[in-house]
């Protein structure tokens, strides 16, 4: 029981897997991106719905950061470190 309470109190989790998808919103129209974040190997999941521009930034962040965390309360992606250059 104590373990369940402790796990429920964790609000910043490591992003351990990312699934990008795009879906058409009407024939010939703009589509929509969906980014599924798998947190702490499946302990939780969260879905982002970024604009195309933001999806590009997300991809760059995931590619350049060694580790990424997600703050569930503030809805913030937090890079563990970023390689510049």
N, C-alpha and C. Protein backbone atom coordinates (compact mmCIF):
# COMPACT_ATOMS: atom_id res chain seq x y z
N UNK A 1 0.83 -1.19 0.00
CA UNK A 1 0.00 0.00 0.00
C UNK A 1 0.87 1.26 0.00
N UNK A 2 1.92 1.29 0.82
CA UNK A 2 2.81 2.45 0.88
C UNK A 2 3.50 2.66 -0.46
N UNK A 3 3.86 1.56 -1.14
CA UNK A 3 4.51 1.66 -2.45
C UNK A 3 3.57 2.30 -3.47
N UNK A 4 2.29 1.96 -3.44
CA UNK A 4 1.32 2.55 -4.37
C UNK A 4 1.18 4.04 -4.12
N UNK A 5 1.15 4.46 -2.86
CA UNK A 5 1.05 5.89 -2.54
C UNK A 5 2.27 6.64 -3.03
N UNK A 6 3.45 6.07 -2.82
CA UNK A 6 4.69 6.71 -3.25
C UNK A 6 4.73 6.86 -4.76
N UNK A 7 4.38 5.81 -5.50
CA UNK A 7 4.39 5.87 -6.95
C UNK A 7 3.39 6.90 -7.46
N UNK A 8 2.26 7.03 -6.82
CA UNK A 8 1.26 8.00 -7.22
C UNK A 8 1.69 9.44 -6.99
N UNK A 9 2.66 9.65 -6.11
CA UNK A 9 3.14 11.00 -5.80
C UNK A 9 4.24 11.46 -6.75
N UNK A 10 4.83 10.55 -7.51
CA UNK A 10 5.89 10.91 -8.44
C UNK A 10 5.26 11.69 -9.59
N UNK A 11 5.70 12.91 -9.80
CA UNK A 11 5.09 13.74 -10.81
C UNK A 11 6.03 14.07 -11.97
N UNK A 12 7.33 13.77 -11.85
CA UNK A 12 8.27 13.94 -12.95
C UNK A 12 8.79 12.55 -13.30
N UNK A 13 8.60 12.16 -14.55
CA UNK A 13 8.98 10.82 -14.97
C UNK A 13 9.87 10.88 -16.20
N UNK A 14 10.70 9.87 -16.35
CA UNK A 14 11.57 9.77 -17.52
C UNK A 14 10.77 9.29 -18.72
N UNK A 15 11.00 9.94 -19.85
CA UNK A 15 10.40 9.50 -21.11
C UNK A 15 11.24 8.33 -21.61
N UNK A 16 10.66 7.15 -21.65
CA UNK A 16 11.42 5.96 -22.05
C UNK A 16 11.08 5.49 -23.47
N UNK A 17 10.01 6.03 -24.05
CA UNK A 17 9.67 5.71 -25.43
C UNK A 17 8.78 6.81 -25.97
N UNK A 18 8.90 7.08 -27.26
CA UNK A 18 8.11 8.12 -27.91
C UNK A 18 7.54 7.55 -29.19
N UNK A 19 6.24 7.74 -29.41
CA UNK A 19 5.58 7.27 -30.63
C UNK A 19 4.93 8.45 -31.32
N UNK A 20 5.44 8.82 -32.49
CA UNK A 20 4.86 9.91 -33.28
C UNK A 20 3.88 9.33 -34.28
N UNK A 21 2.78 10.02 -34.48
CA UNK A 21 1.85 9.63 -35.54
C UNK A 21 1.24 10.90 -36.14
N UNK A 22 0.77 10.76 -37.34
CA UNK A 22 0.12 11.85 -38.06
C UNK A 22 -1.15 11.30 -38.66
N UNK A 23 -2.22 12.07 -38.57
CA UNK A 23 -3.48 11.62 -39.16
C UNK A 23 -4.07 12.72 -40.03
N UNK A 24 -4.68 12.30 -41.11
CA UNK A 24 -5.30 13.22 -42.05
C UNK A 24 -6.59 13.76 -41.44
N UNK A 25 -6.81 15.04 -41.61
CA UNK A 25 -8.05 15.65 -41.14
C UNK A 25 -8.83 16.18 -42.33
N UNK A 26 -9.32 15.27 -43.12
CA UNK A 26 -10.06 15.65 -44.32
C UNK A 26 -9.18 15.53 -45.54
N UNK A 27 -9.74 15.05 -46.59
CA UNK A 27 -9.02 14.81 -47.83
C UNK A 27 -8.36 16.09 -48.33
N UNK A 28 -7.04 16.05 -48.48
CA UNK A 28 -6.30 17.19 -49.00
C UNK A 28 -6.09 18.32 -48.00
N UNK A 29 -6.60 18.17 -46.81
CA UNK A 29 -6.46 19.22 -45.80
C UNK A 29 -5.25 18.99 -44.92
N UNK A 30 -5.11 19.84 -43.95
CA UNK A 30 -4.02 19.70 -43.00
C UNK A 30 -4.27 18.49 -42.11
N UNK A 31 -3.19 17.95 -41.59
CA UNK A 31 -3.30 16.81 -40.69
C UNK A 31 -2.97 17.23 -39.27
N UNK A 32 -2.93 16.25 -38.39
CA UNK A 32 -2.64 16.51 -36.98
C UNK A 32 -1.60 15.51 -36.48
N UNK A 33 -0.64 16.01 -35.73
CA UNK A 33 0.36 15.17 -35.10
C UNK A 33 -0.10 14.77 -33.71
N UNK A 34 0.26 13.56 -33.33
CA UNK A 34 0.05 13.07 -31.97
C UNK A 34 1.37 12.46 -31.52
N UNK A 35 1.78 12.80 -30.30
CA UNK A 35 3.01 12.26 -29.74
C UNK A 35 2.65 11.55 -28.44
N UNK A 36 2.84 10.25 -28.42
CA UNK A 36 2.57 9.47 -27.22
C UNK A 36 3.87 9.30 -26.46
N UNK A 37 3.90 9.77 -25.23
CA UNK A 37 5.07 9.62 -24.36
C UNK A 37 4.83 8.43 -23.44
N UNK A 38 5.73 7.48 -23.47
CA UNK A 38 5.70 6.36 -22.52
C UNK A 38 6.67 6.75 -21.40
N UNK A 39 6.18 6.80 -20.19
CA UNK A 39 6.96 7.30 -19.06
C UNK A 39 7.34 6.17 -18.13
N UNK A 40 8.61 6.16 -17.73
CA UNK A 40 9.13 5.14 -16.80
C UNK A 40 8.72 3.73 -17.22
N UNK A 41 9.02 3.39 -18.47
CA UNK A 41 8.76 2.05 -19.01
C UNK A 41 7.31 1.59 -18.86
N UNK A 42 6.38 2.51 -19.01
CA UNK A 42 4.97 2.15 -19.00
C UNK A 42 4.24 2.44 -17.71
N UNK A 43 4.91 3.03 -16.72
CA UNK A 43 4.23 3.37 -15.47
C UNK A 43 3.09 4.35 -15.74
N UNK A 44 3.31 5.25 -16.71
CA UNK A 44 2.27 6.20 -17.13
C UNK A 44 2.49 6.50 -18.60
N UNK A 45 1.48 7.08 -19.22
CA UNK A 45 1.57 7.55 -20.59
C UNK A 45 0.92 8.93 -20.66
N UNK A 46 1.37 9.71 -21.62
CA UNK A 46 0.78 11.03 -21.83
C UNK A 46 0.80 11.31 -23.32
N UNK A 47 -0.23 11.95 -23.84
CA UNK A 47 -0.32 12.25 -25.26
C UNK A 47 -0.27 13.76 -25.47
N UNK A 48 0.66 14.17 -26.35
CA UNK A 48 0.78 15.57 -26.76
C UNK A 48 0.16 15.72 -28.14
N UNK A 49 -0.38 16.89 -28.44
CA UNK A 49 -0.92 17.17 -29.76
C UNK A 49 -0.30 18.46 -30.28
N UNK A 50 0.99 18.38 -30.68
CA UNK A 50 1.70 19.59 -31.10
C UNK A 50 1.33 20.04 -32.50
N UNK A 51 1.63 21.30 -32.77
CA UNK A 51 1.56 21.80 -34.14
C UNK A 51 2.70 21.16 -34.91
N UNK A 52 2.71 21.28 -36.23
CA UNK A 52 3.79 20.72 -37.04
C UNK A 52 5.12 21.34 -36.65
N UNK A 53 5.13 22.62 -36.40
CA UNK A 53 6.36 23.32 -36.01
C UNK A 53 6.87 22.81 -34.66
N UNK A 54 5.97 22.65 -33.70
CA UNK A 54 6.36 22.14 -32.38
C UNK A 54 6.80 20.68 -32.47
N UNK A 55 6.18 19.88 -33.33
CA UNK A 55 6.57 18.48 -33.49
C UNK A 55 8.01 18.39 -33.97
N UNK A 56 8.41 19.30 -34.85
CA UNK A 56 9.79 19.34 -35.34
C UNK A 56 10.75 19.64 -34.18
N UNK A 57 10.39 20.59 -33.34
CA UNK A 57 11.21 20.93 -32.18
C UNK A 57 11.30 19.75 -31.22
N UNK A 58 10.19 19.07 -31.00
CA UNK A 58 10.18 17.89 -30.13
C UNK A 58 11.15 16.83 -30.65
N UNK A 59 11.08 16.56 -31.96
CA UNK A 59 11.97 15.56 -32.56
C UNK A 59 13.43 15.93 -32.34
N UNK A 60 13.75 17.19 -32.56
CA UNK A 60 15.13 17.65 -32.36
C UNK A 60 15.55 17.50 -30.89
N UNK A 61 14.64 17.80 -29.98
CA UNK A 61 14.94 17.67 -28.55
C UNK A 61 15.23 16.20 -28.20
N UNK A 62 14.38 15.29 -28.65
CA UNK A 62 14.57 13.88 -28.35
C UNK A 62 15.85 13.33 -28.98
N UNK A 63 16.22 13.84 -30.16
CA UNK A 63 17.43 13.38 -30.82
C UNK A 63 18.69 13.92 -30.15
N UNK A 64 18.64 15.15 -29.62
CA UNK A 64 19.85 15.77 -29.07
C UNK A 64 20.03 15.54 -27.57
N UNK A 65 18.97 15.25 -26.87
CA UNK A 65 19.07 15.06 -25.42
C UNK A 65 19.37 13.61 -25.10
N UNK A 66 20.26 13.41 -24.15
CA UNK A 66 20.56 12.04 -23.73
C UNK A 66 19.36 11.41 -23.04
N UNK A 67 18.72 12.17 -22.19
CA UNK A 67 17.55 11.71 -21.42
C UNK A 67 16.55 12.85 -21.39
N UNK A 68 15.27 12.51 -21.47
CA UNK A 68 14.22 13.53 -21.39
C UNK A 68 13.24 13.10 -20.29
N UNK A 69 12.81 14.07 -19.51
CA UNK A 69 11.83 13.85 -18.46
C UNK A 69 10.57 14.63 -18.80
N UNK A 70 9.45 14.24 -18.20
CA UNK A 70 8.19 14.95 -18.41
C UNK A 70 7.56 15.24 -17.06
N UNK A 71 7.28 16.51 -16.81
CA UNK A 71 6.62 16.94 -15.58
C UNK A 71 5.11 16.85 -15.82
N UNK A 72 4.47 15.92 -15.18
CA UNK A 72 3.05 15.68 -15.39
C UNK A 72 2.16 16.81 -14.88
N UNK A 73 2.60 17.51 -13.83
CA UNK A 73 1.79 18.61 -13.30
C UNK A 73 1.85 19.84 -14.19
N UNK A 74 3.06 20.20 -14.62
CA UNK A 74 3.24 21.42 -15.41
C UNK A 74 3.21 21.18 -16.91
N UNK A 75 3.18 19.89 -17.33
CA UNK A 75 3.16 19.52 -18.76
C UNK A 75 4.38 20.08 -19.48
N UNK A 76 5.57 19.80 -18.92
CA UNK A 76 6.83 20.33 -19.43
C UNK A 76 7.78 19.19 -19.78
N UNK A 77 8.36 19.24 -20.99
CA UNK A 77 9.43 18.32 -21.35
C UNK A 77 10.74 18.90 -20.83
N UNK A 78 11.54 18.08 -20.15
CA UNK A 78 12.77 18.56 -19.53
C UNK A 78 13.93 17.70 -20.05
N UNK A 79 14.84 18.30 -20.85
CA UNK A 79 15.99 17.51 -21.31
C UNK A 79 16.97 17.32 -20.17
N UNK A 80 17.53 16.09 -20.08
CA UNK A 80 18.54 15.81 -19.06
C UNK A 80 19.84 16.50 -19.42
N UNK A 81 20.17 16.52 -20.71
CA UNK A 81 21.32 17.24 -21.24
C UNK A 81 21.06 17.41 -22.73
N UNK A 82 21.69 18.42 -23.31
CA UNK A 82 21.50 18.70 -24.73
C UNK A 82 22.86 18.86 -25.37
N UNK A 83 23.07 18.19 -26.51
CA UNK A 83 24.30 18.33 -27.27
C UNK A 83 24.13 19.49 -28.24
N UNK A 84 24.95 20.48 -28.13
CA UNK A 84 24.88 21.63 -29.03
C UNK A 84 25.92 21.46 -30.13
N UNK A 85 25.55 21.85 -31.32
CA UNK A 85 26.55 21.82 -32.37
C UNK A 85 26.16 21.13 -33.57
